[in-house]
Amino acid sequence: MMETIPILVSLPDKDEEVKGIFSLDAEVILRDIPTELLRDNLNKLCQGVATLLNDIKKVGGFRLKEVTIQVEVNAEGGVELIGTAKVGGKGAITLTFAE
């Protein structure tokens, strides 16, 4: 039996693509997401963030010590960066990368 983890997600409207938990007018349901799928998607996202930040060591006269990003899980178990302050915070997964 495949292990799953229950996650609240919002279902897309018929004309929209899959959305995560922050859709304002969408129906929110509890969905069992396979842990292996979630792990793989988080790993891909973290590898992408590591590549993105690889050369960013200094900002002006300051050394970059820590980066914090927030992600959400969509209805299919995909992991997406939260790119707007309007949706950030509520129910997000926070990933902190430290040197």
PDB file of N, CA and C in Angstrom:
ATOM      1  N   MET A   1       0.843  -1.196   0.000  1.00  0.00           N
ATOM      2  CA  MET A   1       0.000   0.000   0.000  1.00  0.00           C
ATOM      3  C   MET A   1       0.880   1.249   0.000  1.00  0.00           C
ATOM      4  N   MET A   2       0.550   2.187  -0.864  1.00  0.00           N
ATOM      5  CA  MET A   2       1.306   3.417  -0.989  1.00  0.00           C
ATOM      6  C   MET A   2       1.004   4.351   0.187  1.00  0.00           C
ATOM      7  N   GLU A   3       2.051   4.914   0.794  1.00  0.00           N
ATOM      8  CA  GLU A   3       1.851   5.859   1.887  1.00  0.00           C
ATOM      9  C   GLU A   3       1.386   7.195   1.328  1.00  0.00           C
ATOM     10  N   THR A   4       0.468   7.821   2.053  1.00  0.00           N
ATOM     11  CA  THR A   4      -0.042   9.129   1.647  1.00  0.00           C
ATOM     12  C   THR A   4      -0.030  10.068   2.840  1.00  0.00           C
ATOM     13  N   ILE A   5      -0.185  11.346   2.543  1.00  0.00           N
ATOM     14  CA  ILE A   5      -0.309  12.359   3.585  1.00  0.00           C
ATOM     15  C   ILE A   5      -1.508  13.233   3.215  1.00  0.00           C
ATOM     16  N   PRO A   6      -2.410  13.498   4.166  1.00  0.00           N
ATOM     17  CA  PRO A   6      -3.581  14.313   3.844  1.00  0.00           C
ATOM     18  C   PRO A   6      -3.207  15.798   3.769  1.00  0.00           C
ATOM     19  N   ILE A   7      -3.630  16.457   2.681  1.00  0.00           N
ATOM     20  CA  ILE A   7      -3.329  17.872   2.475  1.00  0.00           C
ATOM     21  C   ILE A   7      -4.590  18.558   1.970  1.00  0.00           C
ATOM     22  N   LEU A   8      -4.903  19.721   2.547  1.00  0.00           N
ATOM     23  CA  LEU A   8      -6.014  20.527   2.058  1.00  0.00           C
ATOM     24  C   LEU A   8      -5.583  21.213   0.777  1.00  0.00           C
ATOM     25  N   VAL A   9      -6.355  21.041  -0.281  1.00  0.00           N
ATOM     26  CA  VAL A   9      -6.079  21.678  -1.563  1.00  0.00           C
ATOM     27  C   VAL A   9      -7.375  22.240  -2.108  1.00  0.00           C
ATOM     28  N   SER A  10      -7.256  23.177  -3.037  1.00  0.00           N
ATOM     29  CA  SER A  10      -8.453  23.690  -3.695  1.00  0.00           C
ATOM     30  C   SER A  10      -8.541  23.103  -5.091  1.00  0.00           C
ATOM     31  N   LEU A  11      -9.742  22.768  -5.484  1.00  0.00           N
ATOM     32  CA  LEU A  11      -9.974  22.205  -6.812  1.00  0.00           C
ATOM     33  C   LEU A  11     -10.153  23.341  -7.808  1.00  0.00           C
ATOM     34  N   PRO A  12      -9.648  23.164  -9.014  1.00  0.00           N
ATOM     35  CA  PRO A  12      -9.803  24.214 -10.029  1.00  0.00           C
ATOM     36  C   PRO A  12     -11.225  24.237 -10.564  1.00  0.00           C
ATOM     37  N   ASP A  13     -11.622  25.409 -11.053  1.00  0.00           N
ATOM     38  CA  ASP A  13     -12.870  25.480 -11.806  1.00  0.00           C
ATOM     39  C   ASP A  13     -12.661  24.719 -13.107  1.00  0.00           C
ATOM     40  N   LYS A  14     -13.724  24.414 -13.800  1.00  0.00           N
ATOM     41  CA  LYS A  14     -13.630  23.639 -15.036  1.00  0.00           C
ATOM     42  C   LYS A  14     -12.712  24.283 -16.073  1.00  0.00           C
ATOM     43  N   ASP A  15     -12.688  25.617 -16.130  1.00  0.00           N
ATOM     44  CA  ASP A  15     -11.913  26.333 -17.142  1.00  0.00           C
ATOM     45  C   ASP A  15     -10.511  26.707 -16.674  1.00  0.00           C
ATOM     46  N   GLU A  16     -10.159  26.357 -15.442  1.00  0.00           N
ATOM     47  CA  GLU A  16      -8.874  26.765 -14.892  1.00  0.00           C
ATOM     48  C   GLU A  16      -7.933  25.576 -14.759  1.00  0.00           C
ATOM     49  N   GLU A  17      -6.657  25.896 -14.635  1.00  0.00           N
ATOM     50  CA  GLU A  17      -5.681  24.853 -14.385  1.00  0.00           C
ATOM     51  C   GLU A  17      -5.706  24.488 -12.902  1.00  0.00           C
ATOM     52  N   VAL A  18      -4.989  23.458 -12.526  1.00  0.00           N
ATOM     53  CA  VAL A  18      -4.946  22.993 -11.143  1.00  0.00           C
ATOM     54  C   VAL A  18      -4.435  24.097 -10.243  1.00  0.00           C
ATOM     55  N   LYS A  19      -5.056  24.237  -9.095  1.00  0.00           N
ATOM     56  CA  LYS A  19      -4.636  25.259  -8.155  1.00  0.00           C
ATOM     57  C   LYS A  19      -4.289  24.620  -6.823  1.00  0.00           C
ATOM     58  N   GLY A  20      -3.587  25.382  -6.010  1.00  0.00           N
ATOM     59  CA  GLY A  20      -3.226  24.937  -4.673  1.00  0.00           C
ATOM     60  C   GLY A  20      -4.217  25.442  -3.649  1.00  0.00           C
ATOM     61  N   ILE A  21      -3.787  25.551  -2.437  1.00  0.00           N
ATOM     62  CA  ILE A  21      -4.680  25.870  -1.335  1.00  0.00           C
ATOM     63  C   ILE A  21      -5.142  27.323  -1.303  1.00  0.00           C
ATOM     64  N   PHE A  22      -4.529  28.200  -2.063  1.00  0.00           N
ATOM     65  CA  PHE A  22      -4.806  29.623  -1.916  1.00  0.00           C
ATOM     66  C   PHE A  22      -5.824  30.183  -2.891  1.00  0.00           C
ATOM     67  N   SER A  23      -6.477  29.368  -3.672  1.00  0.00           N
ATOM     68  CA  SER A  23      -7.514  29.850  -4.572  1.00  0.00           C
ATOM     69  C   SER A  23      -8.669  30.399  -3.746  1.00  0.00           C
ATOM     70  N   LEU A  24      -9.068  31.613  -4.042  1.00  0.00           N
ATOM     71  CA  LEU A  24     -10.044  32.286  -3.190  1.00  0.00           C
ATOM     72  C   LEU A  24     -11.459  31.744  -3.331  1.00  0.00           C
ATOM     73  N   ASP A  25     -11.880  31.432  -4.545  1.00  0.00           N
ATOM     74  CA  ASP A  25     -13.262  31.022  -4.764  1.00  0.00           C
ATOM     75  C   ASP A  25     -13.410  29.532  -5.051  1.00  0.00           C
ATOM     76  N   ALA A  26     -12.357  28.777  -4.913  1.00  0.00           N
ATOM     77  CA  ALA A  26     -12.393  27.365  -5.261  1.00  0.00           C
ATOM     78  C   ALA A  26     -12.849  26.513  -4.080  1.00  0.00           C
ATOM     79  N   GLU A  27     -13.340  25.341  -4.400  1.00  0.00           N
ATOM     80  CA  GLU A  27     -13.746  24.372  -3.381  1.00  0.00           C
ATOM     81  C   GLU A  27     -12.496  23.750  -2.750  1.00  0.00           C
ATOM     82  N   VAL A  28     -12.434  23.752  -1.421  1.00  0.00           N
ATOM     83  CA  VAL A  28     -11.294  23.182  -0.708  1.00  0.00           C
ATOM     84  C   VAL A  28     -11.665  21.787  -0.223  1.00  0.00           C
ATOM     85  N   ILE A  29     -10.783  20.828  -0.528  1.00  0.00           N
ATOM     86  CA  ILE A  29     -11.024  19.450  -0.110  1.00  0.00           C
ATOM     87  C   ILE A  29      -9.758  18.889   0.539  1.00  0.00           C
ATOM     88  N   LEU A  30      -9.932  17.817   1.271  1.00  0.00           N
ATOM     89  CA  LEU A  30      -8.801  17.082   1.835  1.00  0.00           C
ATOM     90  C   LEU A  30      -8.463  15.976   0.848  1.00  0.00           C
ATOM     91  N   ARG A  31      -7.217  15.968   0.375  1.00  0.00           N
ATOM     92  CA  ARG A  31      -6.801  14.970  -0.600  1.00  0.00           C
ATOM     93  C   ARG A  31      -5.571  14.233  -0.061  1.00  0.00           C
ATOM     94  N   ASP A  32      -5.562  12.922  -0.221  1.00  0.00           N
ATOM     95  CA  ASP A  32      -4.409  12.123   0.176  1.00  0.00           C
ATOM     96  C   ASP A  32      -3.388  12.150  -0.951  1.00  0.00           C
ATOM     97  N   ILE A  33      -2.248  12.766  -0.698  1.00  0.00           N
ATOM     98  CA  ILE A  33      -1.182  12.894  -1.693  1.00  0.00           C
ATOM     99  C   ILE A  33      -0.129  11.827  -1.398  1.00  0.00           C
ATOM    100  N   PRO A  34       0.284  11.045  -2.378  1.00  0.00           N
ATOM    101  CA  PRO A  34       1.337  10.045  -2.145  1.00  0.00           C
ATOM    102  C   PRO A  34       2.628  10.723  -1.654  1.00  0.00           C
ATOM    103  N   THR A  35       3.183  10.215  -0.560  1.00  0.00           N
ATOM    104  CA  THR A  35       4.384  10.833   0.022  1.00  0.00           C
ATOM    105  C   THR A  35       5.563  10.760  -0.951  1.00  0.00           C
ATOM    106  N   GLU A  36       5.660   9.701  -1.743  1.00  0.00           N
ATOM    107  CA  GLU A  36       6.761   9.583  -2.702  1.00  0.00           C
ATOM    108  C   GLU A  36       6.670  10.682  -3.764  1.00  0.00           C
ATOM    109  N   LEU A  37       5.465  10.966  -4.250  1.00  0.00           N
ATOM    110  CA  LEU A  37       5.257  12.025  -5.229  1.00  0.00           C
ATOM    111  C   LEU A  37       5.617  13.382  -4.633  1.00  0.00           C
ATOM    112  N   LEU A  38       5.151  13.628  -3.424  1.00  0.00           N
ATOM    113  CA  LEU A  38       5.443  14.892  -2.751  1.00  0.00           C
ATOM    114  C   LEU A  38       6.945  15.035  -2.511  1.00  0.00           C
ATOM    115  N   ARG A  39       7.589  13.958  -2.068  1.00  0.00           N
ATOM    116  CA  ARG A  39       9.040  13.982  -1.835  1.00  0.00           C
ATOM    117  C   ARG A  39       9.785  14.291  -3.127  1.00  0.00           C
ATOM    118  N   ASP A  40       9.422  13.619  -4.219  1.00  0.00           N
ATOM    119  CA  ASP A  40      10.090  13.843  -5.501  1.00  0.00           C
ATOM    120  C   ASP A  40       9.912  15.277  -5.979  1.00  0.00           C
ATOM    121  N   ASN A  41       8.696  15.808  -5.851  1.00  0.00           N
ATOM    122  CA  ASN A  41       8.442  17.176  -6.291  1.00  0.00           C
ATOM    123  C   ASN A  41       9.158  18.201  -5.419  1.00  0.00           C
ATOM    124  N   LEU A  42       9.205  17.982  -4.106  1.00  0.00           N
ATOM    125  CA  LEU A  42       9.961  18.874  -3.222  1.00  0.00           C
ATOM    126  C   LEU A  42      11.451  18.816  -3.542  1.00  0.00           C
ATOM    127  N   ASN A  43      11.947  17.616  -3.821  1.00  0.00           N
ATOM    128  CA  ASN A  43      13.357  17.458  -4.173  1.00  0.00           C
ATOM    129  C   ASN A  43      13.699  18.230  -5.449  1.00  0.00           C
ATOM    130  N   LYS A  44      12.851  18.123  -6.479  1.00  0.00           N
ATOM    131  CA  LYS A  44      13.080  18.853  -7.728  1.00  0.00           C
ATOM    132  C   LYS A  44      13.090  20.357  -7.482  1.00  0.00           C
ATOM    133  N   LEU A  45      12.137  20.828  -6.688  1.00  0.00           N
ATOM    134  CA  LEU A  45      12.062  22.250  -6.394  1.00  0.00           C
ATOM    135  C   LEU A  45      13.310  22.708  -5.639  1.00  0.00           C
ATOM    136  N   CYS A  46      13.738  21.938  -4.641  1.00  0.00           N
ATOM    137  CA  CYS A  46      14.922  22.303  -3.852  1.00  0.00           C
ATOM    138  C   CYS A  46      16.182  22.294  -4.710  1.00  0.00           C
ATOM    139  N   GLN A  47      16.293  21.340  -5.629  1.00  0.00           N
ATOM    140  CA  GLN A  47      17.438  21.308  -6.536  1.00  0.00           C
ATOM    141  C   GLN A  47      17.445  22.547  -7.440  1.00  0.00           C
ATOM    142  N   GLY A  48      16.277  22.940  -7.900  1.00  0.00           N
ATOM    143  CA  GLY A  48      16.178  24.153  -8.719  1.00  0.00           C
ATOM    144  C   GLY A  48      16.556  25.397  -7.947  1.00  0.00           C
ATOM    145  N   VAL A  49      16.098  25.491  -6.695  1.00  0.00           N
ATOM    146  CA  VAL A  49      16.448  26.633  -5.848  1.00  0.00           C
ATOM    147  C   VAL A  49      17.955  26.648  -5.595  1.00  0.00           C
ATOM    148  N   ALA A  50      18.550  25.483  -5.341  1.00  0.00           N
ATOM    149  CA  ALA A  50      19.993  25.396  -5.106  1.00  0.00           C
ATOM    150  C   ALA A  50      20.758  25.880  -6.333  1.00  0.00           C
ATOM    151  N   THR A  51      20.324  25.492  -7.532  1.00  0.00           N
ATOM    152  CA  THR A  51      20.967  25.948  -8.759  1.00  0.00           C
ATOM    153  C   THR A  51      20.826  27.457  -8.915  1.00  0.00           C
ATOM    154  N   LEU A  52      19.642  27.959  -8.641  1.00  0.00           N
ATOM    155  CA  LEU A  52      19.367  29.387  -8.743  1.00  0.00           C
ATOM    156  C   LEU A  52      20.248  30.199  -7.799  1.00  0.00           C
ATOM    157  N   LEU A  53      20.441  29.709  -6.583  1.00  0.00           N
ATOM    158  CA  LEU A  53      21.171  30.460  -5.555  1.00  0.00           C
ATOM    159  C   LEU A  53      22.663  30.151  -5.511  1.00  0.00           C
ATOM    160  N   ASN A  54      23.116  29.228  -6.330  1.00  0.00           N
ATOM    161  CA  ASN A  54      24.493  28.759  -6.278  1.00  0.00           C
ATOM    162  C   ASN A  54      25.524  29.882  -6.336  1.00  0.00           C
ATOM    163  N   ASP A  55      25.339  30.867  -7.203  1.00  0.00           N
ATOM    164  CA  ASP A  55      26.319  31.931  -7.377  1.00  0.00           C
ATOM    165  C   ASP A  55      26.008  33.184  -6.561  1.00  0.00           C
ATOM    166  N   ILE A  56      24.924  33.177  -5.834  1.00  0.00           N
ATOM    167  CA  ILE A  56      24.555  34.356  -5.052  1.00  0.00           C
ATOM    168  C   ILE A  56      25.109  34.198  -3.643  1.00  0.00           C
ATOM    169  N   LYS A  57      26.288  34.713  -3.426  1.00  0.00           N
ATOM    170  CA  LYS A  57      26.932  34.605  -2.112  1.00  0.00           C
ATOM    171  C   LYS A  57      26.945  35.950  -1.391  1.00  0.00           C
ATOM    172  N   LYS A  58      27.036  37.035  -2.165  1.00  0.00           N
ATOM    173  CA  LYS A  58      27.099  38.365  -1.572  1.00  0.00           C
ATOM    174  C   LYS A  58      26.054  39.272  -2.199  1.00  0.00           C
ATOM    175  N   VAL A  59      25.511  40.151  -1.381  1.00  0.00           N
ATOM    176  CA  VAL A  59      24.573  41.160  -1.842  1.00  0.00           C
ATOM    177  C   VAL A  59      25.155  42.488  -1.387  1.00  0.00           C
ATOM    178  N   GLY A  60      25.690  43.242  -2.319  1.00  0.00           N
ATOM    179  CA  GLY A  60      26.391  44.472  -1.950  1.00  0.00           C
ATOM    180  C   GLY A  60      27.568  44.124  -1.047  1.00  0.00           C
ATOM    181  N   GLY A  61      27.645  44.759   0.107  1.00  0.00           N
ATOM    182  CA  GLY A  61      28.703  44.474   1.068  1.00  0.00           C
ATOM    183  C   GLY A  61      28.315  43.407   2.073  1.00  0.00           C
ATOM    184  N   PHE A  62      27.180  42.755   1.869  1.00  0.00           N
ATOM    185  CA  PHE A  62      26.673  41.766   2.822  1.00  0.00           C
ATOM    186  C   PHE A  62      26.787  40.357   2.260  1.00  0.00           C
ATOM    187  N   ARG A  63      26.962  39.406   3.147  1.00  0.00           N
ATOM    188  CA  ARG A  63      27.006  37.996   2.770  1.00  0.00           C
ATOM    189  C   ARG A  63      25.611  37.415   2.960  1.00  0.00           C
ATOM    190  N   LEU A  64      25.129  36.712   1.948  1.00  0.00           N
ATOM    191  CA  LEU A  64      23.824  36.068   2.042  1.00  0.00           C
ATOM    192  C   LEU A  64      23.947  34.854   2.949  1.00  0.00           C
ATOM    193  N   LYS A  65      23.217  34.850   4.046  1.00  0.00           N
ATOM    194  CA  LYS A  65      23.326  33.794   5.045  1.00  0.00           C
ATOM    195  C   LYS A  65      22.159  32.808   4.977  1.00  0.00           C
ATOM    196  N   GLU A  66      20.983  33.309   4.599  1.00  0.00           N
ATOM    197  CA  GLU A  66      19.793  32.473   4.663  1.00  0.00           C
ATOM    198  C   GLU A  66      18.781  32.931   3.624  1.00  0.00           C
ATOM    199  N   VAL A  67      18.082  31.969   3.025  1.00  0.00           N
ATOM    200  CA  VAL A  67      17.015  32.251   2.077  1.00  0.00           C
ATOM    201  C   VAL A  67      15.792  31.464   2.524  1.00  0.00           C
ATOM    202  N   THR A  68      14.658  32.133   2.595  1.00  0.00           N
ATOM    203  CA  THR A  68      13.412  31.475   2.969  1.00  0.00           C
ATOM    204  C   THR A  68      12.421  31.624   1.819  1.00  0.00           C
ATOM    205  N   ILE A  69      11.830  30.509   1.424  1.00  0.00           N
ATOM    206  CA  ILE A  69      10.799  30.536   0.393  1.00  0.00           C
ATOM    207  C   ILE A  69       9.571  29.805   0.921  1.00  0.00           C
ATOM    208  N   GLN A  70       8.435  30.106   0.346  1.00  0.00           N
ATOM    209  CA  GLN A  70       7.217  29.391   0.703  1.00  0.00           C
ATOM    210  C   GLN A  70       6.687  28.684  -0.539  1.00  0.00           C
ATOM    211  N   VAL A  71       6.176  27.486  -0.321  1.00  0.00           N
ATOM    212  CA  VAL A  71       5.619  26.695  -1.405  1.00  0.00           C
ATOM    213  C   VAL A  71       4.236  26.204  -1.006  1.00  0.00           C
ATOM    214  N   GLU A  72       3.470  25.831  -1.996  1.00  0.00           N
ATOM    215  CA  GLU A  72       2.177  25.212  -1.743  1.00  0.00           C
ATOM    216  C   GLU A  72       2.092  23.923  -2.544  1.00  0.00           C
ATOM    217  N   VAL A  73       1.234  23.040  -2.114  1.00  0.00           N
ATOM    218  CA  VAL A  73       1.001  21.770  -2.786  1.00  0.00           C
ATOM    219  C   VAL A  73      -0.316  21.894  -3.545  1.00  0.00           C
ATOM    220  N   ASN A  74      -0.285  21.536  -4.840  1.00  0.00           N
ATOM    221  CA  ASN A  74      -1.530  21.614  -5.598  1.00  0.00           C
ATOM    222  C   ASN A  74      -2.302  20.300  -5.504  1.00  0.00           C
ATOM    223  N   ALA A  75      -3.448  20.258  -6.125  1.00  0.00           N
ATOM    224  CA  ALA A  75      -4.355  19.114  -6.005  1.00  0.00           C
ATOM    225  C   ALA A  75      -3.781  17.819  -6.566  1.00  0.00           C
ATOM    226  N   GLU A  76      -2.772  17.913  -7.437  1.00  0.00           N
ATOM    227  CA  GLU A  76      -2.132  16.719  -7.992  1.00  0.00           C
ATOM    228  C   GLU A  76      -0.853  16.335  -7.256  1.00  0.00           C
ATOM    229  N   GLY A  77      -0.491  17.079  -6.206  1.00  0.00           N
ATOM    230  CA  GLY A  77       0.739  16.778  -5.475  1.00  0.00           C
ATOM    231  C   GLY A  77       1.947  17.518  -5.990  1.00  0.00           C
ATOM    232  N   GLY A  78       1.729  18.435  -6.930  1.00  0.00           N
ATOM    233  CA  GLY A  78       2.815  19.284  -7.408  1.00  0.00           C
ATOM    234  C   GLY A  78       3.171  20.315  -6.351  1.00  0.00           C
ATOM    235  N   VAL A  79       4.387  20.802  -6.402  1.00  0.00           N
ATOM    236  CA  VAL A  79       4.862  21.802  -5.445  1.00  0.00           C
ATOM    237  C   VAL A  79       5.212  23.058  -6.225  1.00  0.00           C
ATOM    238  N   GLU A  80       4.668  24.207  -5.771  1.00  0.00           N
ATOM    239  CA  GLU A  80       4.847  25.456  -6.498  1.00  0.00           C
ATOM    240  C   GLU A  80       5.330  26.543  -5.554  1.00  0.00           C
ATOM    241  N   LEU A  81       6.267  27.366  -6.044  1.00  0.00           N
ATOM    242  CA  LEU A  81       6.699  28.527  -5.274  1.00  0.00           C
ATOM    243  C   LEU A  81       5.543  29.504  -5.170  1.00  0.00           C
ATOM    244  N   ILE A  82       5.438  30.178  -4.037  1.00  0.00           N
ATOM    245  CA  ILE A  82       4.435  31.230  -3.872  1.00  0.00           C
ATOM    246  C   ILE A  82       5.105  32.528  -4.284  1.00  0.00           C
ATOM    247  N   GLY A  83       4.582  33.153  -5.320  1.00  0.00           N
ATOM    248  CA  GLY A  83       5.241  34.316  -5.881  1.00  0.00           C
ATOM    249  C   GLY A  83       4.595  35.639  -5.551  1.00  0.00           C
ATOM    250  N   THR A  84       3.635  35.665  -4.663  1.00  0.00           N
ATOM    251  CA  THR A  84       2.970  36.918  -4.327  1.00  0.00           C
ATOM    252  C   THR A  84       2.712  37.008  -2.836  1.00  0.00           C
ATOM    253  N   ALA A  85       2.875  38.189  -2.291  1.00  0.00           N
ATOM    254  CA  ALA A  85       2.668  38.397  -0.856  1.00  0.00           C
ATOM    255  C   ALA A  85       1.203  38.241  -0.473  1.00  0.00           C
ATOM    256  N   LYS A  86       0.294  38.407  -1.426  1.00  0.00           N
ATOM    257  CA  LYS A  86      -1.130  38.296  -1.127  1.00  0.00           C
ATOM    258  C   LYS A  86      -1.516  36.907  -0.657  1.00  0.00           C
ATOM    259  N   VAL A  87      -0.845  35.877  -1.167  1.00  0.00           N
ATOM    260  CA  VAL A  87      -1.221  34.522  -0.797  1.00  0.00           C
ATOM    261  C   VAL A  87      -0.263  33.889   0.194  1.00  0.00           C
ATOM    262  N   GLY A  88       0.884  34.499   0.403  1.00  0.00           N
ATOM    263  CA  GLY A  88       1.901  33.903   1.269  1.00  0.00           C
ATOM    264  C   GLY A  88       1.449  33.781   2.711  1.00  0.00           C
ATOM    265  N   GLY A  89       1.946  32.766   3.368  1.00  0.00           N
ATOM    266  CA  GLY A  89       1.705  32.622   4.792  1.00  0.00           C
ATOM    267  C   GLY A  89       0.707  31.564   5.160  1.00  0.00           C
ATOM    268  N   LYS A  90      -0.555  31.742   4.838  1.00  0.00           N
ATOM    269  CA  LYS A  90      -1.589  30.821   5.290  1.00  0.00           C
ATOM    270  C   LYS A  90      -1.402  29.417   4.712  1.00  0.00           C
ATOM    271  N   GLY A  91      -1.022  28.486   5.550  1.00  0.00           N
ATOM    272  CA  GLY A  91      -0.968  27.099   5.145  1.00  0.00           C
ATOM    273  C   GLY A  91       0.195  26.700   4.258  1.00  0.00           C
ATOM    274  N   ALA A  92       1.101  27.623   4.000  1.00  0.00           N
ATOM    275  CA  ALA A  92       2.223  27.332   3.116  1.00  0.00           C
ATOM    276  C   ALA A  92       3.265  26.465   3.840  1.00  0.00           C
ATOM    277  N   ILE A  93       4.063  25.764   3.041  1.00  0.00           N
ATOM    278  CA  ILE A  93       5.224  25.067   3.558  1.00  0.00           C
ATOM    279  C   ILE A  93       6.385  26.043   3.415  1.00  0.00           C
ATOM    280  N   THR A  94       7.065  26.331   4.511  1.00  0.00           N
ATOM    281  CA  THR A  94       8.207  27.243   4.484  1.00  0.00           C
ATOM    282  C   THR A  94       9.489  26.430   4.458  1.00  0.00           C
ATOM    283  N   LEU A  95      10.336  26.720   3.468  1.00  0.00           N
ATOM    284  CA  LEU A  95      11.632  26.069   3.344  1.00  0.00           C
ATOM    285  C   LEU A  95      12.696  27.123   3.592  1.00  0.00           C
ATOM    286  N   THR A  96      13.600  26.877   4.522  1.00  0.00           N
ATOM    287  CA  THR A  96      14.673  27.812   4.823  1.00  0.00           C
ATOM    288  C   THR A  96      15.996  27.157   4.479  1.00  0.00           C
ATOM    289  N   PHE A  97      16.760  27.811   3.622  1.00  0.00           N
ATOM    290  CA  PHE A  97      18.068  27.315   3.213  1.00  0.00           C
ATOM    291  C   PHE A  97      19.114  28.163   3.912  1.00  0.00           C
ATOM    292  N   ALA A  98      19.984  27.542   4.696  1.00  0.00           N
ATOM    293  CA  ALA A  98      21.021  28.277   5.420  1.00  0.00           C
ATOM    294  C   ALA A  98      22.378  27.751   4.998  1.00  0.00           C
ATOM    295  N   GLU A  99      23.347  28.632   5.075  1.00  0.00           N
ATOM    296  CA  GLU A  99      24.715  28.291   4.717  1.00  0.00           C
ATOM    297  C   GLU A  99      25.352  27.390   5.748  1.00  0.00           C
TER     298      GLU A  99
END
